[in-house]
Amino acid sequence: MKQITLSVPDREYTFFIKVIKAFSFVKIEKTKTVKEFVPTPEQVEWVEGLKSALEEVEEHQQGKKQLKNLDELIDEL
């Protein structure tokens, strides 16, 4: 027996199930509903910070930006 996983829009689900049940050889198993991932504000902030840091590194590698060295960072503290 082969298994197929399908994603069907909510508005078409009832119709699709009616159609597919018409085939006697099809077995329908209940599955968990996949929920859309919604990041928390903290996760969004972390990702934005990471993107910004990576952009700075890229600019440094291209010679467009000079980054601080360890001694300069320690002096700031």
PDB file of N, CA and C in Angstrom:
ATOM      1  N   MET A   1       0.852  -1.178   0.000  1.00  0.00           N
ATOM      2  CA  MET A   1       0.000   0.000   0.000  1.00  0.00           C
ATOM      3  C   MET A   1       0.898   1.242   0.000  1.00  0.00           C
ATOM      4  N   LYS A   2       0.528   2.235  -0.751  1.00  0.00           N
ATOM      5  CA  LYS A   2       1.250   3.510  -0.825  1.00  0.00           C
ATOM      6  C   LYS A   2       0.515   4.546   0.021  1.00  0.00           C
ATOM      7  N   GLN A   3       1.261   5.519   0.493  1.00  0.00           N
ATOM      8  CA  GLN A   3       0.675   6.573   1.310  1.00  0.00           C
ATOM      9  C   GLN A   3       0.945   7.916   0.654  1.00  0.00           C
ATOM     10  N   ILE A   4      -0.065   8.778   0.661  1.00  0.00           N
ATOM     11  CA  ILE A   4       0.054  10.113   0.080  1.00  0.00           C
ATOM     12  C   ILE A   4      -0.393  11.128   1.131  1.00  0.00           C
ATOM     13  N   THR A   5       0.377  12.188   1.284  1.00  0.00           N
ATOM     14  CA  THR A   5      -0.003  13.276   2.179  1.00  0.00           C
ATOM     15  C   THR A   5      -0.344  14.483   1.316  1.00  0.00           C
ATOM     16  N   LEU A   6      -1.509  15.050   1.555  1.00  0.00           N
ATOM     17  CA  LEU A   6      -1.972  16.183   0.763  1.00  0.00           C
ATOM     18  C   LEU A   6      -2.276  17.370   1.667  1.00  0.00           C
ATOM     19  N   SER A   7      -2.087  18.554   1.145  1.00  0.00           N
ATOM     20  CA  SER A   7      -2.511  19.775   1.827  1.00  0.00           C
ATOM     21  C   SER A   7      -3.639  20.374   1.009  1.00  0.00           C
ATOM     22  N   VAL A   8      -4.764  20.592   1.667  1.00  0.00           N
ATOM     23  CA  VAL A   8      -5.949  21.097   0.979  1.00  0.00           C
ATOM     24  C   VAL A   8      -6.392  22.383   1.679  1.00  0.00           C
ATOM     25  N   PRO A   9      -6.701  23.429   0.917  1.00  0.00           N
ATOM     26  CA  PRO A   9      -7.177  24.670   1.545  1.00  0.00           C
ATOM     27  C   PRO A   9      -8.424  24.403   2.394  1.00  0.00           C
ATOM     28  N   ASP A  10      -8.553  25.109   3.495  1.00  0.00           N
ATOM     29  CA  ASP A  10      -9.686  24.908   4.399  1.00  0.00           C
ATOM     30  C   ASP A  10     -11.026  24.996   3.672  1.00  0.00           C
ATOM     31  N   ARG A  11     -11.154  25.951   2.777  1.00  0.00           N
ATOM     32  CA  ARG A  11     -12.438  26.158   2.106  1.00  0.00           C
ATOM     33  C   ARG A  11     -12.798  25.011   1.163  1.00  0.00           C
ATOM     34  N   GLU A  12     -11.816  24.217   0.746  1.00  0.00           N
ATOM     35  CA  GLU A  12     -12.059  23.103  -0.172  1.00  0.00           C
ATOM     36  C   GLU A  12     -12.044  21.744   0.528  1.00  0.00           C
ATOM     37  N   TYR A  13     -11.760  21.713   1.815  1.00  0.00           N
ATOM     38  CA  TYR A  13     -11.561  20.456   2.533  1.00  0.00           C
ATOM     39  C   TYR A  13     -12.802  19.563   2.509  1.00  0.00           C
ATOM     40  N   THR A  14     -13.958  20.109   2.865  1.00  0.00           N
ATOM     41  CA  THR A  14     -15.182  19.306   2.922  1.00  0.00           C
ATOM     42  C   THR A  14     -15.494  18.678   1.573  1.00  0.00           C
ATOM     43  N   PHE A  15     -15.403  19.452   0.519  1.00  0.00           N
ATOM     44  CA  PHE A  15     -15.653  18.924  -0.824  1.00  0.00           C
ATOM     45  C   PHE A  15     -14.652  17.827  -1.169  1.00  0.00           C
ATOM     46  N   PHE A  16     -13.383  18.073  -0.880  1.00  0.00           N
ATOM     47  CA  PHE A  16     -12.346  17.093  -1.213  1.00  0.00           C
ATOM     48  C   PHE A  16     -12.588  15.769  -0.493  1.00  0.00           C
ATOM     49  N   ILE A  17     -12.927  15.835   0.785  1.00  0.00           N
ATOM     50  CA  ILE A  17     -13.171  14.616   1.556  1.00  0.00           C
ATOM     51  C   ILE A  17     -14.359  13.847   0.976  1.00  0.00           C
ATOM     52  N   LYS A  18     -15.402  14.546   0.587  1.00  0.00           N
ATOM     53  CA  LYS A  18     -16.563  13.873  -0.022  1.00  0.00           C
ATOM     54  C   LYS A  18     -16.158  13.144  -1.299  1.00  0.00           C
ATOM     55  N   VAL A  19     -15.354  13.788  -2.109  1.00  0.00           N
ATOM     56  CA  VAL A  19     -14.924  13.187  -3.372  1.00  0.00           C
ATOM     57  C   VAL A  19     -14.042  11.971  -3.114  1.00  0.00           C
ATOM     58  N   ILE A  20     -13.076  12.103  -2.244  1.00  0.00           N
ATOM     59  CA  ILE A  20     -12.107  11.037  -2.019  1.00  0.00           C
ATOM     60  C   ILE A  20     -12.746   9.826  -1.336  1.00  0.00           C
ATOM     61  N   LYS A  21     -13.768  10.057  -0.502  1.00  0.00           N
ATOM     62  CA  LYS A  21     -14.468   8.946   0.157  1.00  0.00           C
ATOM     63  C   LYS A  21     -15.264   8.103  -0.838  1.00  0.00           C
ATOM     64  N   ALA A  22     -15.517   8.642  -2.005  1.00  0.00           N
ATOM     65  CA  ALA A  22     -16.264   7.899  -3.020  1.00  0.00           C
ATOM     66  C   ALA A  22     -15.471   6.710  -3.555  1.00  0.00           C
ATOM     67  N   PHE A  23     -14.158   6.728  -3.368  1.00  0.00           N
ATOM     68  CA  PHE A  23     -13.312   5.619  -3.811  1.00  0.00           C
ATOM     69  C   PHE A  23     -13.197   4.595  -2.688  1.00  0.00           C
ATOM     70  N   SER A  24     -13.649   3.379  -2.938  1.00  0.00           N
ATOM     71  CA  SER A  24     -13.670   2.346  -1.908  1.00  0.00           C
ATOM     72  C   SER A  24     -12.269   1.905  -1.485  1.00  0.00           C
ATOM     73  N   PHE A  25     -11.293   2.095  -2.330  1.00  0.00           N
ATOM     74  CA  PHE A  25      -9.928   1.646  -2.031  1.00  0.00           C
ATOM     75  C   PHE A  25      -9.113   2.664  -1.233  1.00  0.00           C
ATOM     76  N   VAL A  26      -9.693   3.828  -0.936  1.00  0.00           N
ATOM     77  CA  VAL A  26      -8.980   4.875  -0.212  1.00  0.00           C
ATOM     78  C   VAL A  26      -9.297   4.775   1.275  1.00  0.00           C
ATOM     79  N   LYS A  27      -8.252   4.770   2.093  1.00  0.00           N
ATOM     80  CA  LYS A  27      -8.390   4.760   3.546  1.00  0.00           C
ATOM     81  C   LYS A  27      -7.937   6.126   4.049  1.00  0.00           C
ATOM     82  N   ILE A  28      -8.784   6.785   4.822  1.00  0.00           N
ATOM     83  CA  ILE A  28      -8.455   8.111   5.339  1.00  0.00           C
ATOM     84  C   ILE A  28      -8.127   7.989   6.821  1.00  0.00           C
ATOM     85  N   GLU A  29      -6.939   8.460   7.197  1.00  0.00           N
ATOM     86  CA  GLU A  29      -6.519   8.455   8.589  1.00  0.00           C
ATOM     87  C   GLU A  29      -6.524   9.884   9.104  1.00  0.00           C
ATOM     88  N   LYS A  30      -6.956  10.052  10.328  1.00  0.00           N
ATOM     89  CA  LYS A  30      -6.937  11.385  10.931  1.00  0.00           C
ATOM     90  C   LYS A  30      -5.504  11.764  11.261  1.00  0.00           C
ATOM     91  N   THR A  31      -5.171  13.006  11.014  1.00  0.00           N
ATOM     92  CA  THR A  31      -3.832  13.517  11.321  1.00  0.00           C
ATOM     93  C   THR A  31      -3.960  14.815  12.086  1.00  0.00           C
ATOM     94  N   LYS A  32      -2.855  15.248  12.633  1.00  0.00           N
ATOM     95  CA  LYS A  32      -2.830  16.518  13.345  1.00  0.00           C
ATOM     96  C   LYS A  32      -2.842  17.662  12.331  1.00  0.00           C
ATOM     97  N   THR A  33      -3.488  18.731  12.687  1.00  0.00           N
ATOM     98  CA  THR A  33      -3.507  19.918  11.846  1.00  0.00           C
ATOM     99  C   THR A  33      -2.180  20.643  11.995  1.00  0.00           C
ATOM    100  N   VAL A  34      -1.606  21.039  10.881  1.00  0.00           N
ATOM    101  CA  VAL A  34      -0.347  21.779  10.894  1.00  0.00           C
ATOM    102  C   VAL A  34      -0.672  23.248  11.140  1.00  0.00           C
ATOM    103  N   LYS A  35      -0.078  23.799  12.197  1.00  0.00           N
ATOM    104  CA  LYS A  35      -0.313  25.199  12.520  1.00  0.00           C
ATOM    105  C   LYS A  35       0.802  26.049  11.935  1.00  0.00           C
ATOM    106  N   GLU A  36       0.431  27.240  11.519  1.00  0.00           N
ATOM    107  CA  GLU A  36       1.413  28.169  10.974  1.00  0.00           C
ATOM    108  C   GLU A  36       2.276  28.703  12.110  1.00  0.00           C
ATOM    109  N   PHE A  37       3.590  28.746  11.895  1.00  0.00           N
ATOM    110  CA  PHE A  37       4.521  29.250  12.904  1.00  0.00           C
ATOM    111  C   PHE A  37       4.426  30.765  12.969  1.00  0.00           C
ATOM    112  N   VAL A  38       4.202  31.270  14.165  1.00  0.00           N
ATOM    113  CA  VAL A  38       4.179  32.715  14.392  1.00  0.00           C
ATOM    114  C   VAL A  38       5.252  33.019  15.432  1.00  0.00           C
ATOM    115  N   PRO A  39       6.325  33.701  15.017  1.00  0.00           N
ATOM    116  CA  PRO A  39       7.415  33.971  15.955  1.00  0.00           C
ATOM    117  C   PRO A  39       7.006  34.984  17.026  1.00  0.00           C
ATOM    118  N   THR A  40       7.613  34.850  18.197  1.00  0.00           N
ATOM    119  CA  THR A  40       7.378  35.811  19.274  1.00  0.00           C
ATOM    120  C   THR A  40       8.153  37.092  18.962  1.00  0.00           C
ATOM    121  N   PRO A  41       7.793  38.192  19.600  1.00  0.00           N
ATOM    122  CA  PRO A  41       8.549  39.441  19.379  1.00  0.00           C
ATOM    123  C   PRO A  41      10.036  39.273  19.698  1.00  0.00           C
ATOM    124  N   GLU A  42      10.353  38.469  20.701  1.00  0.00           N
ATOM    125  CA  GLU A  42      11.760  38.240  21.048  1.00  0.00           C
ATOM    126  C   GLU A  42      12.491  37.504  19.929  1.00  0.00           C
ATOM    127  N   GLN A  43      11.809  36.530  19.325  1.00  0.00           N
ATOM    128  CA  GLN A  43      12.418  35.788  18.220  1.00  0.00           C
ATOM    129  C   GLN A  43      12.638  36.694  17.015  1.00  0.00           C
ATOM    130  N   VAL A  44      11.680  37.555  16.733  1.00  0.00           N
ATOM    131  CA  VAL A  44      11.807  38.494  15.611  1.00  0.00           C
ATOM    132  C   VAL A  44      12.982  39.431  15.864  1.00  0.00           C
ATOM    133  N   GLU A  45      13.090  39.934  17.103  1.00  0.00           N
ATOM    134  CA  GLU A  45      14.191  40.842  17.448  1.00  0.00           C
ATOM    135  C   GLU A  45      15.538  40.136  17.303  1.00  0.00           C
ATOM    136  N   TRP A  46      15.624  38.891  17.742  1.00  0.00           N
ATOM    137  CA  TRP A  46      16.869  38.132  17.655  1.00  0.00           C
ATOM    138  C   TRP A  46      17.276  37.931  16.197  1.00  0.00           C
ATOM    139  N   VAL A  47      16.320  37.572  15.352  1.00  0.00           N
ATOM    140  CA  VAL A  47      16.616  37.346  13.931  1.00  0.00           C
ATOM    141  C   VAL A  47      17.055  38.644  13.271  1.00  0.00           C
ATOM    142  N   GLU A  48      16.385  39.743  13.593  1.00  0.00           N
ATOM    143  CA  GLU A  48      16.769  41.038  13.014  1.00  0.00           C
ATOM    144  C   GLU A  48      18.178  41.427  13.452  1.00  0.00           C
ATOM    145  N   GLY A  49      18.508  41.172  14.713  1.00  0.00           N
ATOM    146  CA  GLY A  49      19.852  41.462  15.199  1.00  0.00           C
ATOM    147  C   GLY A  49      20.904  40.626  14.481  1.00  0.00           C
ATOM    148  N   LEU A  50      20.584  39.365  14.265  1.00  0.00           N
ATOM    149  CA  LEU A  50      21.502  38.477  13.548  1.00  0.00           C
ATOM    150  C   LEU A  50      21.700  38.943  12.104  1.00  0.00           C
ATOM    151  N   LYS A  51      20.606  39.331  11.452  1.00  0.00           N
ATOM    152  CA  LYS A  51      20.699  39.832  10.071  1.00  0.00           C
ATOM    153  C   LYS A  51      21.596  41.066  10.018  1.00  0.00           C
ATOM    154  N   SER A  52      21.394  41.957  10.979  1.00  0.00           N
ATOM    155  CA  SER A  52      22.190  43.186  11.024  1.00  0.00           C
ATOM    156  C   SER A  52      23.675  42.871  11.216  1.00  0.00           C
ATOM    157  N   ALA A  53      23.957  41.938  12.116  1.00  0.00           N
ATOM    158  CA  ALA A  53      25.352  41.559  12.363  1.00  0.00           C
ATOM    159  C   ALA A  53      25.981  40.947  11.116  1.00  0.00           C
ATOM    160  N   LEU A  54      25.241  40.094  10.434  1.00  0.00           N
ATOM    161  CA  LEU A  54      25.771  39.470   9.218  1.00  0.00           C
ATOM    162  C   LEU A  54      25.999  40.497   8.108  1.00  0.00           C
ATOM    163  N   GLU A  55      25.126  41.499   8.028  1.00  0.00           N
ATOM    164  CA  GLU A  55      25.312  42.566   7.037  1.00  0.00           C
ATOM    165  C   GLU A  55      26.590  43.361   7.346  1.00  0.00           C
ATOM    166  N   GLU A  56      26.843  43.611   8.647  1.00  0.00           N
ATOM    167  CA  GLU A  56      28.064  44.320   9.026  1.00  0.00           C
ATOM    168  C   GLU A  56      29.306  43.516   8.655  1.00  0.00           C
ATOM    169  N   VAL A  57      29.272  42.221   8.891  1.00  0.00           N
ATOM    170  CA  VAL A  57      30.412  41.362   8.541  1.00  0.00           C
ATOM    171  C   VAL A  57      30.633  41.392   7.029  1.00  0.00           C
ATOM    172  N   GLU A  58      29.548  41.316   6.277  1.00  0.00           N
ATOM    173  CA  GLU A  58      29.675  41.345   4.807  1.00  0.00           C
ATOM    174  C   GLU A  58      30.275  42.669   4.338  1.00  0.00           C
ATOM    175  N   GLU A  59      29.808  43.786   4.924  1.00  0.00           N
ATOM    176  CA  GLU A  59      30.363  45.095   4.567  1.00  0.00           C
ATOM    177  C   GLU A  59      31.848  45.172   4.928  1.00  0.00           C
ATOM    178  N   HIS A  60      32.223  44.582   6.050  1.00  0.00           N
ATOM    179  CA  HIS A  60      33.634  44.555   6.458  1.00  0.00           C
ATOM    180  C   HIS A  60      34.466  43.754   5.455  1.00  0.00           C
ATOM    181  N   GLN A  61      33.938  42.607   5.035  1.00  0.00           N
ATOM    182  CA  GLN A  61      34.671  41.775   4.079  1.00  0.00           C
ATOM    183  C   GLN A  61      34.815  42.467   2.729  1.00  0.00           C
ATOM    184  N   GLN A  62      33.875  43.335   2.397  1.00  0.00           N
ATOM    185  CA  GLN A  62      33.939  44.071   1.134  1.00  0.00           C
ATOM    186  C   GLN A  62      34.783  45.342   1.265  1.00  0.00           C
ATOM    187  N   GLY A  63      35.257  45.618   2.473  1.00  0.00           N
ATOM    188  CA  GLY A  63      36.078  46.805   2.701  1.00  0.00           C
ATOM    189  C   GLY A  63      35.270  48.077   2.856  1.00  0.00           C
ATOM    190  N   LYS A  64      33.971  47.980   3.021  1.00  0.00           N
ATOM    191  CA  LYS A  64      33.114  49.153   3.153  1.00  0.00           C
ATOM    192  C   LYS A  64      32.995  49.637   4.598  1.00  0.00           C
ATOM    193  N   LYS A  65      33.367  48.780   5.563  1.00  0.00           N
ATOM    194  CA  LYS A  65      33.194  49.126   6.963  1.00  0.00           C
ATOM    195  C   LYS A  65      34.361  48.574   7.767  1.00  0.00           C
ATOM    196  N   GLN A  66      34.823  49.383   8.715  1.00  0.00           N
ATOM    197  CA  GLN A  66      35.895  48.948   9.598  1.00  0.00           C
ATOM    198  C   GLN A  66      35.266  48.534  10.929  1.00  0.00           C
ATOM    199  N   LEU A  67      35.478  47.290  11.337  1.00  0.00           N
ATOM    200  CA  LEU A  67      34.959  46.800  12.610  1.00  0.00           C
ATOM    201  C   LEU A  67      35.971  47.050  13.718  1.00  0.00           C
ATOM    202  N   LYS A  68      35.460  47.111  14.953  1.00  0.00           N
ATOM    203  CA  LYS A  68      36.339  47.320  16.104  1.00  0.00           C
ATOM    204  C   LYS A  68      37.096  46.034  16.404  1.00  0.00           C
ATOM    205  N   ASN A  69      38.321  46.207  16.895  1.00  0.00           N
ATOM    206  CA  ASN A  69      39.079  45.026  17.319  1.00  0.00           C
ATOM    207  C   ASN A  69      38.789  44.763  18.793  1.00  0.00           C
ATOM    208  N   LEU A  70      39.341  43.694  19.333  1.00  0.00           N
ATOM    209  CA  LEU A  70      39.069  43.288  20.708  1.00  0.00           C
ATOM    210  C   LEU A  70      39.471  44.357  21.708  1.00  0.00           C
ATOM    211  N   ASP A  71      40.621  44.976  21.505  1.00  0.00           N
ATOM    212  CA  ASP A  71      41.085  46.013  22.434  1.00  0.00           C
ATOM    213  C   ASP A  71      40.101  47.182  22.481  1.00  0.00           C
ATOM    214  N   GLU A  72      39.563  47.583  21.341  1.00  0.00           N
ATOM    215  CA  GLU A  72      38.599  48.684  21.300  1.00  0.00           C
ATOM    216  C   GLU A  72      37.310  48.299  22.022  1.00  0.00           C
ATOM    217  N   LEU A  73      36.889  47.066  21.875  1.00  0.00           N
ATOM    218  CA  LEU A  73      35.677  46.623  22.572  1.00  0.00           C
ATOM    219  C   LEU A  73      35.892  46.602  24.091  1.00  0.00           C
ATOM    220  N   ILE A  74      37.052  46.130  24.521  1.00  0.00           N
ATOM    221  CA  ILE A  74      37.359  46.091  25.959  1.00  0.00           C
ATOM    222  C   ILE A  74      37.424  47.509  26.532  1.00  0.00           C
ATOM    223  N   ASP A  75      38.015  48.448  25.776  1.00  0.00           N
ATOM    224  CA  ASP A  75      38.108  49.832  26.215  1.00  0.00           C
ATOM    225  C   ASP A  75      36.718  50.459  26.413  1.00  0.00           C
ATOM    226  N   GLU A  76      35.756  50.053  25.604  1.00  0.00           N
ATOM    227  CA  GLU A  76      34.382  50.569  25.738  1.00  0.00           C
ATOM    228  C   GLU A  76      33.734  50.116  27.034  1.00  0.00           C
ATOM    229  N   LEU A  77      34.097  48.923  27.486  1.00  0.00           N
ATOM    230  CA  LEU A  77      33.500  48.400  28.716  1.00  0.00           C
ATOM    231  C   LEU A  77      34.091  49.110  29.913  1.00  0.00           C
TER     232      LEU A  77
END
